[in-house]
């Protein structure tokens, strides 16, 4: 993928039966690299590594699910009026990317009768 800022990204996915679960995210910048091991389900184990010219730092946070944090943000928005970090426009943009991934893989788009 190529973003308007000029940044690029590569993604892959395999959800076939028998495939082992793996979720990683690596961000490489001019001053170093940030690597997330399992950012999707941290409750099953995770690690964050930050590598710079100063060395390697490793972090492990609590094992709370991402859903728990999302629920807290929703409750804060409803009860406290806290800002919502994502909105309907963001959801549409996410689905546009997902549709493009399906098309690139030669798969039919979800929700369409084919």
PDB file of N, CA and C in Angstrom:
ATOM      1  N   UNK A   1       0.845  -1.166   0.000  1.00  0.00           N
ATOM      2  CA  UNK A   1       0.000   0.000   0.000  1.00  0.00           C
ATOM      3  C   UNK A   1       0.894   1.234   0.000  1.00  0.00           C
ATOM      4  N   UNK A   2       0.413   2.267  -0.649  1.00  0.00           N
ATOM      5  CA  UNK A   2       1.142   3.533  -0.675  1.00  0.00           C
ATOM      6  C   UNK A   2       0.186   4.614  -0.176  1.00  0.00           C
ATOM      7  N   UNK A   3       0.629   5.352   0.839  1.00  0.00           N
ATOM      8  CA  UNK A   3      -0.205   6.376   1.455  1.00  0.00           C
ATOM      9  C   UNK A   3       0.099   7.742   0.867  1.00  0.00           C
ATOM     10  N   UNK A   4      -0.824   8.675   1.033  1.00  0.00           N
ATOM     11  CA  UNK A   4      -0.663  10.024   0.486  1.00  0.00           C
ATOM     12  C   UNK A   4       0.609  10.699   1.002  1.00  0.00           C
ATOM     13  N   UNK A   5       1.035  10.343   2.202  1.00  0.00           N
ATOM     14  CA  UNK A   5       2.237  10.944   2.795  1.00  0.00           C
ATOM     15  C   UNK A   5       3.516  10.445   2.132  1.00  0.00           C
ATOM     16  N   UNK A   6       3.396   9.369   1.337  1.00  0.00           N
ATOM     17  CA  UNK A   6       4.576   8.754   0.736  1.00  0.00           C
ATOM     18  C   UNK A   6       5.003   7.490   1.461  1.00  0.00           C
ATOM     19  N   UNK A   7       4.447   7.253   2.643  1.00  0.00           N
ATOM     20  CA  UNK A   7       4.756   6.036   3.394  1.00  0.00           C
ATOM     21  C   UNK A   7       4.195   4.827   2.654  1.00  0.00           C
ATOM     22  N   UNK A   8       4.839   3.697   2.811  1.00  0.00           N
ATOM     23  CA  UNK A   8       4.372   2.462   2.195  1.00  0.00           C
ATOM     24  C   UNK A   8       4.167   1.398   3.270  1.00  0.00           C
ATOM     25  N   UNK A   9       3.361   0.403   2.956  1.00  0.00           N
ATOM     26  CA  UNK A   9       3.100  -0.688   3.889  1.00  0.00           C
ATOM     27  C   UNK A   9       2.849  -1.962   3.104  1.00  0.00           C
ATOM     28  N   UNK A  10       3.163  -3.066   3.726  1.00  0.00           N
ATOM     29  CA  UNK A  10       2.891  -4.381   3.168  1.00  0.00           C
ATOM     30  C   UNK A  10       2.099  -5.164   4.193  1.00  0.00           C
ATOM     31  N   UNK A  11       1.040  -5.824   3.759  1.00  0.00           N
ATOM     32  CA  UNK A  11       0.253  -6.657   4.656  1.00  0.00           C
ATOM     33  C   UNK A  11       0.084  -8.031   4.038  1.00  0.00           C
ATOM     34  N   UNK A  12      -0.160  -9.016   4.884  1.00  0.00           N
ATOM     35  CA  UNK A  12      -0.489 -10.348   4.385  1.00  0.00           C
ATOM     36  C   UNK A  12      -1.422 -10.999   5.395  1.00  0.00           C
ATOM     37  N   UNK A  13      -2.170 -11.957   4.940  1.00  0.00           N
ATOM     38  CA  UNK A  13      -3.084 -12.654   5.827  1.00  0.00           C
ATOM     39  C   UNK A  13      -3.390 -14.036   5.286  1.00  0.00           C
ATOM     40  N   UNK A  14      -3.610 -14.958   6.196  1.00  0.00           N
ATOM     41  CA  UNK A  14      -3.942 -16.325   5.810  1.00  0.00           C
ATOM     42  C   UNK A  14      -4.858 -16.891   6.887  1.00  0.00           C
ATOM     43  N   UNK A  15      -6.106 -17.108   6.544  1.00  0.00           N
ATOM     44  CA  UNK A  15      -7.073 -17.599   7.519  1.00  0.00           C
ATOM     45  C   UNK A  15      -7.570 -18.996   7.156  1.00  0.00           C
ATOM     46  N   UNK A  16      -6.767 -19.720   6.365  1.00  0.00           N
ATOM     47  CA  UNK A  16      -7.164 -21.080   6.001  1.00  0.00           C
ATOM     48  C   UNK A  16      -7.126 -21.991   7.224  1.00  0.00           C
ATOM     49  N   UNK A  17      -7.948 -23.027   7.225  1.00  0.00           N
ATOM     50  CA  UNK A  17      -7.918 -23.981   8.338  1.00  0.00           C
ATOM     51  C   UNK A  17      -6.509 -24.556   8.507  1.00  0.00           C
ATOM     52  N   UNK A  18      -6.096 -24.696   9.756  1.00  0.00           N
ATOM     53  CA  UNK A  18      -4.783 -25.272  10.051  1.00  0.00           C
ATOM     54  C   UNK A  18      -3.653 -24.268  10.075  1.00  0.00           C
ATOM     55  N   UNK A  19      -3.936 -23.018   9.709  1.00  0.00           N
ATOM     56  CA  UNK A  19      -2.901 -21.990   9.702  1.00  0.00           C
ATOM     57  C   UNK A  19      -2.694 -21.477  11.131  1.00  0.00           C
ATOM     58  N   UNK A  20      -1.451 -21.371  11.555  1.00  0.00           N
ATOM     59  CA  UNK A  20      -1.147 -20.856  12.890  1.00  0.00           C
ATOM     60  C   UNK A  20      -1.396 -19.356  12.943  1.00  0.00           C
ATOM     61  N   UNK A  21      -1.904 -18.894  14.095  1.00  0.00           N
ATOM     62  CA  UNK A  21      -2.151 -17.468  14.286  1.00  0.00           C
ATOM     63  C   UNK A  21      -0.831 -16.739  14.499  1.00  0.00           C
ATOM     64  N   UNK A  22      -0.670 -15.633  13.799  1.00  0.00           N
ATOM     65  CA  UNK A  22       0.477 -14.756  14.008  1.00  0.00           C
ATOM     66  C   UNK A  22       0.024 -13.343  13.681  1.00  0.00           C
ATOM     67  N   UNK A  23       0.343 -12.411  14.563  1.00  0.00           N
ATOM     68  CA  UNK A  23       0.017 -11.008  14.321  1.00  0.00           C
ATOM     69  C   UNK A  23       1.211 -10.170  14.754  1.00  0.00           C
ATOM     70  N   UNK A  24       1.805  -9.499  13.799  1.00  0.00           N
ATOM     71  CA  UNK A  24       2.937  -8.621  14.099  1.00  0.00           C
ATOM     72  C   UNK A  24       2.771  -7.328  13.319  1.00  0.00           C
ATOM     73  N   UNK A  25       3.396  -6.295  13.828  1.00  0.00           N
ATOM     74  CA  UNK A  25       3.417  -5.003  13.161  1.00  0.00           C
ATOM     75  C   UNK A  25       4.797  -4.415  13.378  1.00  0.00           C
ATOM     76  N   UNK A  26       5.459  -4.061  12.306  1.00  0.00           N
ATOM     77  CA  UNK A  26       6.775  -3.437  12.394  1.00  0.00           C
ATOM     78  C   UNK A  26       6.723  -2.101  11.679  1.00  0.00           C
ATOM     79  N   UNK A  27       7.146  -1.055  12.362  1.00  0.00           N
ATOM     80  CA  UNK A  27       7.196   0.291  11.798  1.00  0.00           C
ATOM     81  C   UNK A  27       8.665   0.703  11.784  1.00  0.00           C
ATOM     82  N   UNK A  28       9.166   1.018  10.596  1.00  0.00           N
ATOM     83  CA  UNK A  28      10.557   1.422  10.446  1.00  0.00           C
ATOM     84  C   UNK A  28      10.608   2.894  10.059  1.00  0.00           C
ATOM     85  N   UNK A  29      11.372   3.662  10.824  1.00  0.00           N
ATOM     86  CA  UNK A  29      11.520   5.088  10.557  1.00  0.00           C
ATOM     87  C   UNK A  29      12.989   5.459  10.459  1.00  0.00           C
ATOM     88  N   UNK A  30      13.252   6.724  10.285  1.00  0.00           N
ATOM     89  CA  UNK A  30      14.623   7.185  10.108  1.00  0.00           C
ATOM     90  C   UNK A  30      15.467   7.044  11.380  1.00  0.00           C
ATOM     91  N   UNK A  31      14.827   6.971  12.541  1.00  0.00           N
ATOM     92  CA  UNK A  31      15.577   6.870  13.802  1.00  0.00           C
ATOM     93  C   UNK A  31      15.516   5.496  14.454  1.00  0.00           C
ATOM     94  N   UNK A  32      14.844   4.549  13.816  1.00  0.00           N
ATOM     95  CA  UNK A  32      14.800   3.222  14.410  1.00  0.00           C
ATOM     96  C   UNK A  32      13.611   2.415  13.953  1.00  0.00           C
ATOM     97  N   UNK A  33      13.305   1.380  14.751  1.00  0.00           N
ATOM     98  CA  UNK A  33      12.254   0.443  14.404  1.00  0.00           C
ATOM     99  C   UNK A  33      11.408   0.154  15.647  1.00  0.00           C
ATOM    100  N   UNK A  34      10.107   0.051  15.449  1.00  0.00           N
ATOM    101  CA  UNK A  34       9.174  -0.313  16.500  1.00  0.00           C
ATOM    102  C   UNK A  34       8.485  -1.593  16.057  1.00  0.00           C
ATOM    103  N   UNK A  35       8.577  -2.631  16.879  1.00  0.00           N
ATOM    104  CA  UNK A  35       8.017  -3.932  16.516  1.00  0.00           C
ATOM    105  C   UNK A  35       7.009  -4.350  17.580  1.00  0.00           C
ATOM    106  N   UNK A  36       5.788  -4.659  17.137  1.00  0.00           N
ATOM    107  CA  UNK A  36       4.735  -5.135  18.025  1.00  0.00           C
ATOM    108  C   UNK A  36       4.501  -6.615  17.748  1.00  0.00           C
ATOM    109  N   UNK A  37       4.619  -7.430  18.755  1.00  0.00           N
ATOM    110  CA  UNK A  37       4.274  -8.848  18.652  1.00  0.00           C
ATOM    111  C   UNK A  37       2.892  -9.018  19.248  1.00  0.00           C
ATOM    112  N   UNK A  38       1.931  -9.372  18.424  1.00  0.00           N
ATOM    113  CA  UNK A  38       0.548  -9.613  18.806  1.00  0.00           C
ATOM    114  C   UNK A  38      -0.171  -8.374  19.343  1.00  0.00           C
ATOM    115  N   UNK A  39      -0.344  -7.331  18.515  1.00  0.00           N
ATOM    116  CA  UNK A  39      -1.093  -6.164  18.964  1.00  0.00           C
ATOM    117  C   UNK A  39      -2.610  -6.378  18.967  1.00  0.00           C
ATOM    118  N   UNK A  40      -3.077  -7.487  18.411  1.00  0.00           N
ATOM    119  CA  UNK A  40      -4.509  -7.724  18.259  1.00  0.00           C
ATOM    120  C   UNK A  40      -5.123  -8.347  19.510  1.00  0.00           C
ATOM    121  N   UNK A  41      -4.466  -9.345  20.076  1.00  0.00           N
ATOM    122  CA  UNK A  41      -4.986 -10.021  21.273  1.00  0.00           C
ATOM    123  C   UNK A  41      -3.905 -10.052  22.355  1.00  0.00           C
ATOM    124  N   UNK A  42      -3.602  -8.894  22.938  1.00  0.00           N
ATOM    125  CA  UNK A  42      -2.523  -8.839  23.929  1.00  0.00           C
ATOM    126  C   UNK A  42      -2.787  -9.709  25.155  1.00  0.00           C
ATOM    127  N   UNK A  43      -4.043 -10.062  25.392  1.00  0.00           N
ATOM    128  CA  UNK A  43      -4.358 -10.890  26.541  1.00  0.00           C
ATOM    129  C   UNK A  43      -3.780 -12.297  26.417  1.00  0.00           C
ATOM    130  N   UNK A  44      -3.384 -12.689  25.205  1.00  0.00           N
ATOM    131  CA  UNK A  44      -2.784 -14.017  25.010  1.00  0.00           C
ATOM    132  C   UNK A  44      -1.263 -13.955  24.981  1.00  0.00           C
ATOM    133  N   UNK A  45      -0.706 -12.777  25.263  1.00  0.00           N
ATOM    134  CA  UNK A  45       0.747 -12.583  25.256  1.00  0.00           C
ATOM    135  C   UNK A  45       1.134 -11.584  24.183  1.00  0.00           C
ATOM    136  N   UNK A  46       2.060 -10.729  24.520  1.00  0.00           N
ATOM    137  CA  UNK A  46       2.468  -9.696  23.570  1.00  0.00           C
ATOM    138  C   UNK A  46       3.837  -9.136  23.976  1.00  0.00           C
ATOM    139  N   UNK A  47       4.409  -8.337  23.074  1.00  0.00           N
ATOM    140  CA  UNK A  47       5.685  -7.679  23.353  1.00  0.00           C
ATOM    141  C   UNK A  47       5.829  -6.490  22.414  1.00  0.00           C
ATOM    142  N   UNK A  48       6.433  -5.429  22.919  1.00  0.00           N
ATOM    143  CA  UNK A  48       6.738  -4.252  22.113  1.00  0.00           C
ATOM    144  C   UNK A  48       8.245  -4.026  22.196  1.00  0.00           C
ATOM    145  N   UNK A  49       8.887  -3.897  21.049  1.00  0.00           N
ATOM    146  CA  UNK A  49      10.337  -3.659  21.022  1.00  0.00           C
ATOM    147  C   UNK A  49      10.611  -2.361  20.286  1.00  0.00           C
ATOM    148  N   UNK A  50      11.435  -1.527  20.875  1.00  0.00           N
ATOM    149  CA  UNK A  50      11.854  -0.268  20.266  1.00  0.00           C
ATOM    150  C   UNK A  50      13.362  -0.321  20.098  1.00  0.00           C
ATOM    151  N   UNK A  51      13.802  -0.290  18.845  1.00  0.00           N
ATOM    152  CA  UNK A  51      15.230  -0.349  18.542  1.00  0.00           C
ATOM    153  C   UNK A  51      15.675   0.982  17.934  1.00  0.00           C
ATOM    154  N   UNK A  52      16.616   1.633  18.599  1.00  0.00           N
ATOM    155  CA  UNK A  52      17.191   2.895  18.124  1.00  0.00           C
ATOM    156  C   UNK A  52      18.702   2.803  18.220  1.00  0.00           C
ATOM    157  N   UNK A  53      19.364   3.885  17.878  1.00  0.00           N
ATOM    158  CA  UNK A  53      20.826   3.919  18.000  1.00  0.00           C
ATOM    159  C   UNK A  53      21.263   3.732  19.454  1.00  0.00           C
ATOM    160  N   UNK A  54      20.372   4.023  20.398  1.00  0.00           N
ATOM    161  CA  UNK A  54      20.680   3.864  21.825  1.00  0.00           C
ATOM    162  C   UNK A  54      20.548   2.427  22.305  1.00  0.00           C
ATOM    163  N   UNK A  55      20.000   1.548  21.479  1.00  0.00           N
ATOM    164  CA  UNK A  55      19.856   0.151  21.872  1.00  0.00           C
ATOM    165  C   UNK A  55      18.436  -0.342  21.708  1.00  0.00           C
ATOM    166  N   UNK A  56      18.148  -1.450  22.369  1.00  0.00           N
ATOM    167  CA  UNK A  56      16.849  -2.111  22.268  1.00  0.00           C
ATOM    168  C   UNK A  56      16.139  -2.034  23.616  1.00  0.00           C
ATOM    169  N   UNK A  57      14.907  -1.533  23.599  1.00  0.00           N
ATOM    170  CA  UNK A  57      14.051  -1.528  24.778  1.00  0.00           C
ATOM    171  C   UNK A  57      12.874  -2.445  24.503  1.00  0.00           C
ATOM    172  N   UNK A  58      12.534  -3.264  25.479  1.00  0.00           N
ATOM    173  CA  UNK A  58      11.412  -4.192  25.348  1.00  0.00           C
ATOM    174  C   UNK A  58      10.381  -3.879  26.414  1.00  0.00           C
ATOM    175  N   UNK A  59       9.117  -3.881  26.017  1.00  0.00           N
ATOM    176  CA  UNK A  59       8.024  -3.552  26.928  1.00  0.00           C
ATOM    177  C   UNK A  59       6.960  -4.634  26.857  1.00  0.00           C
ATOM    178  N   UNK A  60       6.360  -4.927  27.999  1.00  0.00           N
ATOM    179  CA  UNK A  60       5.160  -5.747  28.066  1.00  0.00           C
ATOM    180  C   UNK A  60       4.194  -5.006  28.968  1.00  0.00           C
ATOM    181  N   UNK A  61       2.989  -4.778  28.468  1.00  0.00           N
ATOM    182  CA  UNK A  61       1.973  -4.068  29.224  1.00  0.00           C
ATOM    183  C   UNK A  61       1.015  -5.078  29.833  1.00  0.00           C
ATOM    184  N   UNK A  62      -0.068  -4.590  30.404  1.00  0.00           N
ATOM    185  CA  UNK A  62      -1.017  -5.535  30.997  1.00  0.00           C
ATOM    186  C   UNK A  62      -1.617  -6.417  29.906  1.00  0.00           C
ATOM    187  N   UNK A  63      -2.231  -7.481  30.303  1.00  0.00           N
ATOM    188  CA  UNK A  63      -2.774  -8.451  29.346  1.00  0.00           C
ATOM    189  C   UNK A  63      -4.275  -8.264  29.154  1.00  0.00           C
ATOM    190  N   UNK A  64      -4.712  -7.039  29.287  1.00  0.00           N
ATOM    191  CA  UNK A  64      -6.119  -6.708  29.079  1.00  0.00           C
ATOM    192  C   UNK A  64      -6.440  -6.740  27.582  1.00  0.00           C
ATOM    193  N   UNK A  65      -7.642  -7.136  27.236  1.00  0.00           N
ATOM    194  CA  UNK A  65      -8.004  -7.227  25.820  1.00  0.00           C
ATOM    195  C   UNK A  65      -8.186  -5.840  25.213  1.00  0.00           C
ATOM    196  N   UNK A  66      -7.960  -5.739  23.900  1.00  0.00           N
ATOM    197  CA  UNK A  66      -8.188  -4.478  23.208  1.00  0.00           C
ATOM    198  C   UNK A  66      -9.660  -4.094  23.282  1.00  0.00           C
ATOM    199  N   UNK A  67     -10.551  -5.087  23.317  1.00  0.00           N
ATOM    200  CA  UNK A  67     -11.981  -4.801  23.433  1.00  0.00           C
ATOM    201  C   UNK A  67     -12.280  -4.041  24.726  1.00  0.00           C
ATOM    202  N   UNK A  68     -11.607  -4.393  25.820  1.00  0.00           N
ATOM    203  CA  UNK A  68     -11.803  -3.697  27.082  1.00  0.00           C
ATOM    204  C   UNK A  68     -11.482  -2.214  26.971  1.00  0.00           C
ATOM    205  N   UNK A  69     -10.403  -1.889  26.281  1.00  0.00           N
ATOM    206  CA  UNK A  69     -10.032  -0.488  26.079  1.00  0.00           C
ATOM    207  C   UNK A  69     -11.036   0.231  25.176  1.00  0.00           C
ATOM    208  N   UNK A  70     -11.498  -0.468  24.133  1.00  0.00           N
ATOM    209  CA  UNK A  70     -12.498   0.124  23.247  1.00  0.00           C
ATOM    210  C   UNK A  70     -13.796   0.398  23.996  1.00  0.00           C
ATOM    211  N   UNK A  71     -14.198  -0.532  24.853  1.00  0.00           N
ATOM    212  CA  UNK A  71     -15.416  -0.360  25.635  1.00  0.00           C
ATOM    213  C   UNK A  71     -15.277   0.824  26.593  1.00  0.00           C
ATOM    214  N   UNK A  72     -14.110   0.958  27.231  1.00  0.00           N
ATOM    215  CA  UNK A  72     -13.870   2.106  28.113  1.00  0.00           C
ATOM    216  C   UNK A  72     -13.990   3.423  27.355  1.00  0.00           C
ATOM    217  N   UNK A  73     -13.428   3.478  26.150  1.00  0.00           N
ATOM    218  CA  UNK A  73     -13.489   4.701  25.354  1.00  0.00           C
ATOM    219  C   UNK A  73     -14.934   5.032  24.977  1.00  0.00           C
ATOM    220  N   UNK A  74     -15.717   4.011  24.634  1.00  0.00           N
ATOM    221  CA  UNK A  74     -17.131   4.219  24.302  1.00  0.00           C
ATOM    222  C   UNK A  74     -17.896   4.748  25.512  1.00  0.00           C
ATOM    223  N   UNK A  75     -17.690   4.122  26.666  1.00  0.00           N
ATOM    224  CA  UNK A  75     -18.370   4.554  27.888  1.00  0.00           C
ATOM    225  C   UNK A  75     -17.992   5.986  28.231  1.00  0.00           C
ATOM    226  N   UNK A  76     -16.705   6.322  28.129  1.00  0.00           N
ATOM    227  CA  UNK A  76     -16.261   7.698  28.407  1.00  0.00           C
ATOM    228  C   UNK A  76     -16.918   8.699  27.457  1.00  0.00           C
ATOM    229  N   UNK A  77     -17.066   8.313  26.192  1.00  0.00           N
ATOM    230  CA  UNK A  77     -17.698   9.215  25.217  1.00  0.00           C
ATOM    231  C   UNK A  77     -19.164   9.431  25.559  1.00  0.00           C
ATOM    232  N   UNK A  78     -19.859   8.361  25.931  1.00  0.00           N
ATOM    233  CA  UNK A  78     -21.286   8.466  26.225  1.00  0.00           C
ATOM    234  C   UNK A  78     -21.537   9.185  27.552  1.00  0.00           C
ATOM    235  N   UNK A  79     -20.807   8.787  28.587  1.00  0.00           N
ATOM    236  CA  UNK A  79     -21.084   9.325  29.920  1.00  0.00           C
ATOM    237  C   UNK A  79     -20.374  10.639  30.223  1.00  0.00           C
ATOM    238  N   UNK A  80     -19.169  10.803  29.675  1.00  0.00           N
ATOM    239  CA  UNK A  80     -18.353  11.972  30.014  1.00  0.00           C
ATOM    240  C   UNK A  80     -18.212  12.976  28.875  1.00  0.00           C
ATOM    241  N   UNK A  81     -18.679  12.602  27.675  1.00  0.00           N
ATOM    242  CA  UNK A  81     -18.530  13.488  26.526  1.00  0.00           C
ATOM    243  C   UNK A  81     -17.113  13.528  25.977  1.00  0.00           C
ATOM    244  N   UNK A  82     -16.305  12.531  26.320  1.00  0.00           N
ATOM    245  CA  UNK A  82     -14.932  12.466  25.798  1.00  0.00           C
ATOM    246  C   UNK A  82     -14.963  12.352  24.283  1.00  0.00           C
ATOM    247  N   UNK A  83     -13.929  12.852  23.606  1.00  0.00           N
ATOM    248  CA  UNK A  83     -13.931  12.774  22.140  1.00  0.00           C
ATOM    249  C   UNK A  83     -13.880  11.333  21.647  1.00  0.00           C
ATOM    250  N   UNK A  84     -14.573  11.098  20.559  1.00  0.00           N
ATOM    251  CA  UNK A  84     -14.557   9.790  19.903  1.00  0.00           C
ATOM    252  C   UNK A  84     -13.373   9.782  18.947  1.00  0.00           C
ATOM    253  N   UNK A  85     -12.521   8.758  19.059  1.00  0.00           N
ATOM    254  CA  UNK A  85     -11.306   8.730  18.248  1.00  0.00           C
ATOM    255  C   UNK A  85     -11.559   8.293  16.810  1.00  0.00           C
ATOM    256  N   UNK A  86     -12.621   7.544  16.580  1.00  0.00           N
ATOM    257  CA  UNK A  86     -12.987   7.133  15.221  1.00  0.00           C
ATOM    258  C   UNK A  86     -14.458   7.462  15.007  1.00  0.00           C
ATOM    259  N   UNK A  87     -14.825   7.646  13.758  1.00  0.00           N
ATOM    260  CA  UNK A  87     -16.207   8.003  13.454  1.00  0.00           C
ATOM    261  C   UNK A  87     -16.688   7.211  12.240  1.00  0.00           C
ATOM    262  N   UNK A  88     -17.862   7.538  11.770  1.00  0.00           N
ATOM    263  CA  UNK A  88     -18.424   6.838  10.620  1.00  0.00           C
ATOM    264  C   UNK A  88     -17.552   6.963   9.379  1.00  0.00           C
ATOM    265  N   UNK A  89     -16.965   8.132   9.171  1.00  0.00           N
ATOM    266  CA  UNK A  89     -16.085   8.331   8.012  1.00  0.00           C
ATOM    267  C   UNK A  89     -14.870   7.397   8.091  1.00  0.00           C
ATOM    268  N   UNK A  90     -14.332   7.243   9.278  1.00  0.00           N
ATOM    269  CA  UNK A  90     -13.203   6.337   9.466  1.00  0.00           C
ATOM    270  C   UNK A  90     -13.619   4.891   9.189  1.00  0.00           C
ATOM    271  N   UNK A  91     -14.810   4.505   9.633  1.00  0.00           N
ATOM    272  CA  UNK A  91     -15.299   3.148   9.394  1.00  0.00           C
ATOM    273  C   UNK A  91     -15.448   2.878   7.891  1.00  0.00           C
ATOM    274  N   UNK A  92     -15.949   3.856   7.156  1.00  0.00           N
ATOM    275  CA  UNK A  92     -16.093   3.697   5.707  1.00  0.00           C
ATOM    276  C   UNK A  92     -14.713   3.571   5.055  1.00  0.00           C
ATOM    277  N   UNK A  93     -13.761   4.372   5.506  1.00  0.00           N
ATOM    278  CA  UNK A  93     -12.397   4.286   4.961  1.00  0.00           C
ATOM    279  C   UNK A  93     -11.793   2.908   5.231  1.00  0.00           C
ATOM    280  N   UNK A  94     -12.029   2.359   6.425  1.00  0.00           N
ATOM    281  CA  UNK A  94     -11.519   1.024   6.748  1.00  0.00           C
ATOM    282  C   UNK A  94     -12.131  -0.034   5.835  1.00  0.00           C
ATOM    283  N   UNK A  95     -13.427   0.053   5.609  1.00  0.00           N
ATOM    284  CA  UNK A  95     -14.077  -0.919   4.730  1.00  0.00           C
ATOM    285  C   UNK A  95     -13.611  -0.778   3.289  1.00  0.00           C
ATOM    286  N   UNK A  96     -13.284   0.445   2.871  1.00  0.00           N
ATOM    287  CA  UNK A  96     -12.745   0.657   1.528  1.00  0.00           C
ATOM    288  C   UNK A  96     -11.421  -0.079   1.370  1.00  0.00           C
ATOM    289  N   UNK A  97     -10.577  -0.010   2.390  1.00  0.00           N
ATOM    290  CA  UNK A  97      -9.289  -0.724   2.356  1.00  0.00           C
ATOM    291  C   UNK A  97      -9.519  -2.230   2.354  1.00  0.00           C
ATOM    292  N   UNK A  98     -10.448  -2.703   3.188  1.00  0.00           N
ATOM    293  CA  UNK A  98     -10.738  -4.133   3.233  1.00  0.00           C
ATOM    294  C   UNK A  98     -11.253  -4.616   1.880  1.00  0.00           C
ATOM    295  N   UNK A  99     -12.146  -3.849   1.256  1.00  0.00           N
ATOM    296  CA  UNK A  99     -12.639  -4.210  -0.077  1.00  0.00           C
ATOM    297  C   UNK A  99     -11.499  -4.272  -1.085  1.00  0.00           C
ATOM    298  N   UNK A 100     -10.572  -3.318  -1.026  1.00  0.00           N
ATOM    299  CA  UNK A 100      -9.425  -3.313  -1.949  1.00  0.00           C
ATOM    300  C   UNK A 100      -8.555  -4.542  -1.727  1.00  0.00           C
ATOM    301  N   UNK A 101      -8.403  -4.970  -0.481  1.00  0.00           N
ATOM    302  CA  UNK A 101      -7.631  -6.187  -0.187  1.00  0.00           C
ATOM    303  C   UNK A 101      -8.318  -7.416  -0.773  1.00  0.00           C
ATOM    304  N   UNK A 102      -9.638  -7.508  -0.615  1.00  0.00           N
ATOM    305  CA  UNK A 102     -10.379  -8.621  -1.200  1.00  0.00           C
ATOM    306  C   UNK A 102     -10.196  -8.633  -2.718  1.00  0.00           C
ATOM    307  N   UNK A 103     -10.336  -7.471  -3.350  1.00  0.00           N
ATOM    308  CA  UNK A 103     -10.190  -7.395  -4.801  1.00  0.00           C
ATOM    309  C   UNK A 103      -8.784  -7.793  -5.241  1.00  0.00           C
ATOM    310  N   UNK A 104      -7.768  -7.326  -4.518  1.00  0.00           N
ATOM    311  CA  UNK A 104      -6.376  -7.659  -4.864  1.00  0.00           C
ATOM    312  C   UNK A 104      -6.125  -9.155  -4.737  1.00  0.00           C
ATOM    313  N   UNK A 105      -6.844  -9.813  -3.819  1.00  0.00           N
ATOM    314  CA  UNK A 105      -6.690 -11.254  -3.627  1.00  0.00           C
ATOM    315  C   UNK A 105      -7.564 -12.059  -4.579  1.00  0.00           C
ATOM    316  N   UNK A 106      -8.350 -11.365  -5.414  1.00  0.00           N
ATOM    317  CA  UNK A 106      -9.224 -12.059  -6.348  1.00  0.00           C
ATOM    318  C   UNK A 106     -10.468 -12.646  -5.696  1.00  0.00           C
ATOM    319  N   UNK A 107     -10.846 -12.111  -4.542  1.00  0.00           N
ATOM    320  CA  UNK A 107     -12.018 -12.605  -3.819  1.00  0.00           C
ATOM    321  C   UNK A 107     -13.211 -11.685  -4.064  1.00  0.00           C
ATOM    322  N   UNK A 108     -14.427 -12.231  -3.972  1.00  0.00           N
ATOM    323  CA  UNK A 108     -15.606 -11.369  -4.108  1.00  0.00           C
ATOM    324  C   UNK A 108     -15.747 -10.485  -2.868  1.00  0.00           C
ATOM    325  N   UNK A 109     -16.300  -9.306  -3.058  1.00  0.00           N
ATOM    326  CA  UNK A 109     -16.528  -8.413  -1.949  1.00  0.00           C
ATOM    327  C   UNK A 109     -17.623  -8.977  -1.054  1.00  0.00           C
ATOM    328  N   UNK A 110     -17.491  -8.749   0.231  1.00  0.00           N
ATOM    329  CA  UNK A 110     -18.502  -9.229   1.174  1.00  0.00           C
ATOM    330  C   UNK A 110     -19.804  -8.459   0.959  1.00  0.00           C
ATOM    331  N   UNK A 111     -20.900  -9.148   1.162  1.00  0.00           N
ATOM    332  CA  UNK A 111     -22.202  -8.496   1.074  1.00  0.00           C
ATOM    333  C   UNK A 111     -22.782  -8.470  -0.327  1.00  0.00           C
ATOM    334  N   UNK A 112     -22.017  -8.921  -1.292  1.00  0.00           N
ATOM    335  CA  UNK A 112     -22.515  -8.935  -2.675  1.00  0.00           C
ATOM    336  C   UNK A 112     -22.940 -10.343  -3.057  1.00  0.00           C
ATOM    337  N   UNK A 113     -24.038 -10.433  -3.760  1.00  0.00           N
ATOM    338  CA  UNK A 113     -24.469 -11.732  -4.276  1.00  0.00           C
ATOM    339  C   UNK A 113     -23.669 -12.035  -5.527  1.00  0.00           C
ATOM    340  N   UNK A 114     -22.868 -13.087  -5.473  1.00  0.00           N
ATOM    341  CA  UNK A 114     -22.071 -13.475  -6.651  1.00  0.00           C
ATOM    342  C   UNK A 114     -22.338 -14.905  -7.022  1.00  0.00           C
TER     343      UNK A 114
END
